[in-house]
Amino acid sequence: MDPSFVLVPLVDGCIGWLGALVLIVVGSAVVAKADKGAGFTLAGAGALKLLLNCCVVAPSMAMQFGTMDIDPSVFTTNAVLIQLQRLVFFGLLAFAITRLSKPSDTAEVLP
């Protein structure tokens, strides 16, 4: 077996988990410092990304270890839910980024 077939998905999965945790930490920092709405949205996007990673991994792990016999329609339903979660995830990110990029009302005006 080619090691890249194992290494590439492993690195991709670890980056996804790490990215989700970074979003939660950054969102929490933004809540404490700048904009509470944008911070909670970033933290929510990170939590949704963690859920997304679990939904991606769980059925294949259950099949791989043979703990349960899964109906193929479950994989189709799971794939649809994963795509919906991705859509909501990127929507939350877009909302938080546009909210953070908005100029502050308390910004100092220079002459």
C-alpha atoms as a PDB file:
ATOM      1  CA  MET A   1       0.000   0.000   0.000  1.00  0.00           C
ATOM      2  CA  ASP A   2       1.263   3.437  -0.923  1.00  0.00           C
ATOM      3  CA  PRO A   3       1.959   5.508   2.233  1.00  0.00           C
ATOM      4  CA  SER A   4       0.476   8.632   0.622  1.00  0.00           C
ATOM      5  CA  PHE A   5      -2.963   6.971   0.709  1.00  0.00           C
ATOM      6  CA  VAL A   6      -2.736   7.014   4.497  1.00  0.00           C
ATOM      7  CA  LEU A   7      -0.661  10.143   5.069  1.00  0.00           C
ATOM      8  CA  VAL A   8      -2.646  12.657   2.994  1.00  0.00           C
ATOM      9  CA  PRO A   9      -6.052  11.949   4.626  1.00  0.00           C
ATOM     10  CA  LEU A  10      -4.399  11.886   8.052  1.00  0.00           C
ATOM     11  CA  VAL A  11      -2.802  15.313   7.528  1.00  0.00           C
ATOM     12  CA  ASP A  12      -6.043  16.662   6.055  1.00  0.00           C
ATOM     13  CA  GLY A  13      -8.039  15.412   9.032  1.00  0.00           C
ATOM     14  CA  CYS A  14      -5.594  16.832  11.557  1.00  0.00           C
ATOM     15  CA  ILE A  15      -5.676  20.232   9.839  1.00  0.00           C
ATOM     16  CA  GLY A  16      -9.492  20.173  10.004  1.00  0.00           C
ATOM     17  CA  TRP A  17      -9.529  19.397  13.737  1.00  0.00           C
ATOM     18  CA  LEU A  18      -6.823  21.973  14.423  1.00  0.00           C
ATOM     19  CA  GLY A  19      -8.642  24.593  12.334  1.00  0.00           C
ATOM     20  CA  ALA A  20     -11.847  24.019  14.292  1.00  0.00           C
ATOM     21  CA  LEU A  21     -10.058  24.461  17.595  1.00  0.00           C
ATOM     22  CA  VAL A  22      -8.341  27.622  16.327  1.00  0.00           C
ATOM     23  CA  LEU A  23     -11.712  29.081  15.313  1.00  0.00           C
ATOM     24  CA  ILE A  24     -13.095  28.421  18.782  1.00  0.00           C
ATOM     25  CA  VAL A  25     -10.062  30.014  20.479  1.00  0.00           C
ATOM     26  CA  VAL A  26      -9.979  33.024  18.143  1.00  0.00           C
ATOM     27  CA  GLY A  27     -13.739  33.460  18.495  1.00  0.00           C
ATOM     28  CA  SER A  28     -13.402  33.444  22.272  1.00  0.00           C
ATOM     29  CA  ALA A  29     -10.611  36.027  22.081  1.00  0.00           C
ATOM     30  CA  VAL A  30     -12.709  38.259  19.830  1.00  0.00           C
ATOM     31  CA  VAL A  31     -15.600  38.006  22.293  1.00  0.00           C
ATOM     32  CA  ALA A  32     -13.325  39.214  25.058  1.00  0.00           C
ATOM     33  CA  LYS A  33     -11.737  42.052  23.066  1.00  0.00           C
ATOM     34  CA  ALA A  34     -13.732  43.326  20.121  1.00  0.00           C
ATOM     35  CA  ASP A  35     -17.144  42.298  18.812  1.00  0.00           C
ATOM     36  CA  LYS A  36     -19.206  39.805  20.801  1.00  0.00           C
ATOM     37  CA  GLY A  37     -21.462  38.889  17.863  1.00  0.00           C
ATOM     38  CA  ALA A  38     -18.550  38.147  15.549  1.00  0.00           C
ATOM     39  CA  GLY A  39     -16.726  36.246  18.289  1.00  0.00           C
ATOM     40  CA  PHE A  40     -19.688  34.041  19.096  1.00  0.00           C
ATOM     41  CA  THR A  41     -20.180  33.430  15.370  1.00  0.00           C
ATOM     42  CA  LEU A  42     -16.533  32.373  14.952  1.00  0.00           C
ATOM     43  CA  ALA A  43     -16.739  30.091  17.986  1.00  0.00           C
ATOM     44  CA  GLY A  44     -19.996  28.644  16.637  1.00  0.00           C
ATOM     45  CA  ALA A  45     -18.361  28.018  13.272  1.00  0.00           C
ATOM     46  CA  GLY A  46     -15.536  26.192  15.057  1.00  0.00           C
ATOM     47  CA  ALA A  47     -18.006  24.054  16.993  1.00  0.00           C
ATOM     48  CA  LEU A  48     -19.866  23.283  13.767  1.00  0.00           C
ATOM     49  CA  LYS A  49     -16.556  22.304  12.145  1.00  0.00           C
ATOM     50  CA  LEU A  50     -15.903  19.867  15.015  1.00  0.00           C
ATOM     51  CA  LEU A  51     -19.351  18.352  14.450  1.00  0.00           C
ATOM     52  CA  LEU A  52     -18.653  18.203  10.725  1.00  0.00           C
ATOM     53  CA  ASN A  53     -15.402  16.314  11.325  1.00  0.00           C
ATOM     54  CA  CYS A  54     -17.221  13.818  13.541  1.00  0.00           C
ATOM     55  CA  CYS A  55     -19.914  13.264  10.899  1.00  0.00           C
ATOM     56  CA  VAL A  56     -17.275  12.669   8.247  1.00  0.00           C
ATOM     57  CA  VAL A  57     -15.270  10.180  10.306  1.00  0.00           C
ATOM     58  CA  ALA A  58     -17.896   8.236  12.269  1.00  0.00           C
ATOM     59  CA  PRO A  59     -19.584   6.104   9.562  1.00  0.00           C
ATOM     60  CA  SER A  60     -16.354   5.068   7.878  1.00  0.00           C
ATOM     61  CA  MET A  61     -14.768   4.196  11.235  1.00  0.00           C
ATOM     62  CA  ALA A  62     -17.795   2.092  12.186  1.00  0.00           C
ATOM     63  CA  MET A  63     -17.607   0.262   8.858  1.00  0.00           C
ATOM     64  CA  GLN A  64     -13.838  -0.155   9.030  1.00  0.00           C
ATOM     65  CA  PHE A  65     -13.832  -1.720  12.466  1.00  0.00           C
ATOM     66  CA  GLY A  66     -16.897  -3.811  11.668  1.00  0.00           C
ATOM     67  CA  THR A  67     -18.807  -2.854  14.783  1.00  0.00           C
ATOM     68  CA  MET A  68     -22.049  -2.390  12.893  1.00  0.00           C
ATOM     69  CA  ASP A  69     -23.607  -3.176   9.554  1.00  0.00           C
ATOM     70  CA  ILE A  70     -24.582   0.171   8.051  1.00  0.00           C
ATOM     71  CA  ASP A  71     -27.214   0.547   5.364  1.00  0.00           C
ATOM     72  CA  PRO A  72     -25.849   2.390   2.286  1.00  0.00           C
ATOM     73  CA  SER A  73     -28.663   4.954   2.538  1.00  0.00           C
ATOM     74  CA  VAL A  74     -27.099   6.139   5.814  1.00  0.00           C
ATOM     75  CA  PHE A  75     -23.980   7.150   3.886  1.00  0.00           C
ATOM     76  CA  THR A  76     -26.089   9.112   1.409  1.00  0.00           C
ATOM     77  CA  THR A  77     -27.979  10.879   4.181  1.00  0.00           C
ATOM     78  CA  ASN A  78     -24.710  11.591   5.985  1.00  0.00           C
ATOM     79  CA  ALA A  79     -23.201  13.046   2.791  1.00  0.00           C
ATOM     80  CA  VAL A  80     -26.169  15.408   2.406  1.00  0.00           C
ATOM     81  CA  LEU A  81     -25.908  16.507   6.049  1.00  0.00           C
ATOM     82  CA  ILE A  82     -22.178  17.090   5.649  1.00  0.00           C
ATOM     83  CA  GLN A  83     -22.803  19.373   2.668  1.00  0.00           C
ATOM     84  CA  LEU A  84     -25.480  21.300   4.577  1.00  0.00           C
ATOM     85  CA  GLN A  85     -23.114  21.704   7.521  1.00  0.00           C
ATOM     86  CA  ARG A  86     -20.409  23.004   5.187  1.00  0.00           C
ATOM     87  CA  LEU A  87     -22.830  25.522   3.725  1.00  0.00           C
ATOM     88  CA  VAL A  88     -23.783  26.799   7.194  1.00  0.00           C
ATOM     89  CA  PHE A  89     -20.122  26.773   8.281  1.00  0.00           C
ATOM     90  CA  PHE A  90     -18.994  29.001   5.421  1.00  0.00           C
ATOM     91  CA  GLY A  91     -22.031  31.234   5.927  1.00  0.00           C
ATOM     92  CA  LEU A  92     -21.072  31.730   9.573  1.00  0.00           C
ATOM     93  CA  LEU A  93     -17.479  32.499   8.579  1.00  0.00           C
ATOM     94  CA  ALA A  94     -18.616  35.027   5.973  1.00  0.00           C
ATOM     95  CA  PHE A  95     -20.916  36.702   8.495  1.00  0.00           C
ATOM     96  CA  ALA A  96     -18.174  36.934  11.136  1.00  0.00           C
ATOM     97  CA  ILE A  97     -15.585  38.257   8.680  1.00  0.00           C
ATOM     98  CA  THR A  98     -17.897  40.926   7.306  1.00  0.00           C
ATOM     99  CA  ARG A  99     -18.897  41.934  10.824  1.00  0.00           C
ATOM    100  CA  LEU A 100     -15.237  42.206  11.887  1.00  0.00           C
ATOM    101  CA  SER A 101     -14.280  44.162   8.765  1.00  0.00           C
ATOM    102  CA  LYS A 102     -16.962  46.777   9.425  1.00  0.00           C
ATOM    103  CA  PRO A 103     -15.476  50.062  10.700  1.00  0.00           C
ATOM    104  CA  SER A 104     -15.885  50.660  14.400  1.00  0.00           C
ATOM    105  CA  ASP A 105     -18.233  53.396  15.629  1.00  0.00           C
ATOM    106  CA  THR A 106     -15.694  54.470  18.215  1.00  0.00           C
ATOM    107  CA  ALA A 107     -12.790  54.842  15.785  1.00  0.00           C
ATOM    108  CA  GLU A 108     -10.714  57.978  16.220  1.00  0.00           C
ATOM    109  CA  VAL A 109     -11.142  60.436  13.357  1.00  0.00           C
ATOM    110  CA  LEU A 110      -7.893  62.071  12.277  1.00  0.00           C
ATOM    111  CA  PRO A 111      -7.927  65.607  10.806  1.00  0.00           C
END
